[in-house]
C-alpha atoms as a PDB file:
ATOM      1  CA  MET A   1       0.000   0.000   0.000  1.00  0.00           C
ATOM      2  CA  TYR A   2       2.748   2.445   0.935  1.00  0.00           C
ATOM      3  CA  ARG A   3       4.610   1.732  -2.294  1.00  0.00           C
ATOM      4  CA  SER A   4       1.581   2.351  -4.517  1.00  0.00           C
ATOM      5  CA  SER A   5       0.817   5.593  -2.640  1.00  0.00           C
ATOM      6  CA  LEU A   6       4.399   6.713  -3.146  1.00  0.00           C
ATOM      7  CA  LEU A   7       4.193   5.958  -6.878  1.00  0.00           C
ATOM      8  CA  MET A   8       0.925   7.843  -7.130  1.00  0.00           C
ATOM      9  CA  LEU A   9       2.401  10.906  -5.393  1.00  0.00           C
ATOM     10  CA  LEU A  10       5.420  10.786  -7.686  1.00  0.00           C
ATOM     11  CA  ALA A  11       3.159  10.598 -10.736  1.00  0.00           C
ATOM     12  CA  LEU A  12       1.136  13.565  -9.471  1.00  0.00           C
ATOM     13  CA  GLU A  13       4.280  15.622  -8.921  1.00  0.00           C
ATOM     14  CA  LEU A  14       5.519  14.883 -12.412  1.00  0.00           C
ATOM     15  CA  SER A  15       2.179  15.751 -13.958  1.00  0.00           C
ATOM     16  CA  GLY A  16       2.128  18.951 -11.927  1.00  0.00           C
ATOM     17  CA  CYS A  17       5.516  19.907 -13.351  1.00  0.00           C
ATOM     18  CA  GLY A  18       4.095  19.451 -16.818  1.00  0.00           C
ATOM     19  CA  LEU A  19       1.240  21.776 -16.018  1.00  0.00           C
ATOM     20  CA  ALA A  20       3.609  24.330 -14.588  1.00  0.00           C
ATOM     21  CA  GLY A  21       5.740  24.098 -17.705  1.00  0.00           C
ATOM     22  CA  THR A  22       2.685  24.566 -19.885  1.00  0.00           C
ATOM     23  CA  ALA A  23       1.629  27.604 -17.860  1.00  0.00           C
ATOM     24  CA  ALA A  24       5.135  29.061 -18.105  1.00  0.00           C
ATOM     25  CA  THR A  25       5.163  28.491 -21.859  1.00  0.00           C
ATOM     26  CA  GLY A  26       1.781  30.194 -22.169  1.00  0.00           C
ATOM     27  CA  ALA A  27       2.968  33.155 -20.130  1.00  0.00           C
ATOM     28  CA  THR A  28       6.098  33.451 -22.272  1.00  0.00           C
ATOM     29  CA  ALA A  29       4.023  33.346 -25.449  1.00  0.00           C
ATOM     30  CA  ALA A  30       1.661  35.991 -24.086  1.00  0.00           C
ATOM     31  CA  GLY A  31       4.624  38.185 -23.183  1.00  0.00           C
ATOM     32  CA  ALA A  32       6.043  37.797 -26.688  1.00  0.00           C
ATOM     33  CA  GLN A  33       2.690  38.716 -28.211  1.00  0.00           C
ATOM     34  CA  ALA A  34       2.439  41.779 -25.992  1.00  0.00           C
ATOM     35  CA  GLU A  35       5.927  42.879 -27.047  1.00  0.00           C
ATOM     36  CA  ALA A  36       5.063  42.323 -30.725  1.00  0.00           C
ATOM     37  CA  ALA A  37       1.898  44.395 -30.320  1.00  0.00           C
ATOM     38  CA  LYS A  38       3.895  47.187 -28.679  1.00  0.00           C
ATOM     39  CA  GLN A  39       6.423  47.166 -31.511  1.00  0.00           C
ATOM     40  CA  ALA A  40       3.643  47.170 -34.091  1.00  0.00           C
ATOM     41  CA  GLN A  41       2.080  50.197 -32.409  1.00  0.00           C
ATOM     42  CA  GLN A  42       5.423  52.012 -32.437  1.00  0.00           C
ATOM     43  CA  THR A  43       5.886  51.177 -36.119  1.00  0.00           C
ATOM     44  CA  GLU A  44       2.385  52.463 -36.870  1.00  0.00           C
ATOM     45  CA  GLN A  45       3.164  55.737 -35.084  1.00  0.00           C
ATOM     46  CA  GLN A  46       6.429  56.126 -37.022  1.00  0.00           C
ATOM     47  CA  VAL A  47       4.661  55.511 -40.330  1.00  0.00           C
ATOM     48  CA  GLN A  48       1.948  58.013 -39.411  1.00  0.00           C
ATOM     49  CA  GLN A  49       4.595  60.620 -38.586  1.00  0.00           C
ATOM     50  CA  LYS A  50       6.321  60.016 -41.933  1.00  0.00           C
ATOM     51  CA  VAL A  51       3.019  60.322 -43.800  1.00  0.00           C
ATOM     52  CA  GLU A  52       2.254  63.595 -42.013  1.00  0.00           C
ATOM     53  CA  ALA A  53       5.738  64.930 -42.786  1.00  0.00           C
ATOM     54  CA  ALA A  54       5.412  63.962 -46.460  1.00  0.00           C
ATOM     55  CA  THR A  55       1.983  65.600 -46.611  1.00  0.00           C
ATOM     56  CA  GLN A  56       3.436  68.798 -45.134  1.00  0.00           C
ATOM     57  CA  VAL A  57       6.328  68.796 -47.634  1.00  0.00           C
ATOM     58  CA  ASP A  58       3.857  68.341 -50.486  1.00  0.00           C
ATOM     59  CA  ALA A  59       1.680  71.183 -49.202  1.00  0.00           C
ATOM     60  CA  ASP A  60       4.745  73.431 -48.873  1.00  0.00           C
ATOM     61  CA  LYS A  61       5.800  72.632 -52.451  1.00  0.00           C
ATOM     62  CA  ARG A  62       2.312  73.355 -53.784  1.00  0.00           C
ATOM     63  CA  ARG A  63       2.186  76.608 -51.861  1.00  0.00           C
ATOM     64  CA  ALA A  64       5.621  77.614 -53.222  1.00  0.00           C
ATOM     65  CA  ALA A  65       4.535  76.705 -56.749  1.00  0.00           C
ATOM     66  CA  ASP A  66       1.339  78.751 -56.386  1.00  0.00           C
ATOM     67  CA  ASP A  67       3.328  81.713 -55.020  1.00  0.00           C
ATOM     68  CA  SER A  68       5.817  81.628 -57.886  1.00  0.00           C
ATOM     69  CA  ALA A  69       3.033  81.277 -60.463  1.00  0.00           C
ATOM     70  CA  GLY A  70       1.232  84.283 -59.013  1.00  0.00           C
ATOM     71  CA  ASN A  71       4.321  86.520 -59.221  1.00  0.00           C
END
């Protein structure tokens, strides 16, 4: 009886380690996804800033062209 109880406890400990490993893997994956989302947001902001800067340059060029055409 003692031996079978010991084997059962050992099996439970090993299965518990597997669950802990699975939880750790899930937490690592979630952390990686959060970091990827943060980087994607930063990239989106950088692209938006570049689009705004290009739009401003285009508007400045059109304004300069209009000014020179009017003179």
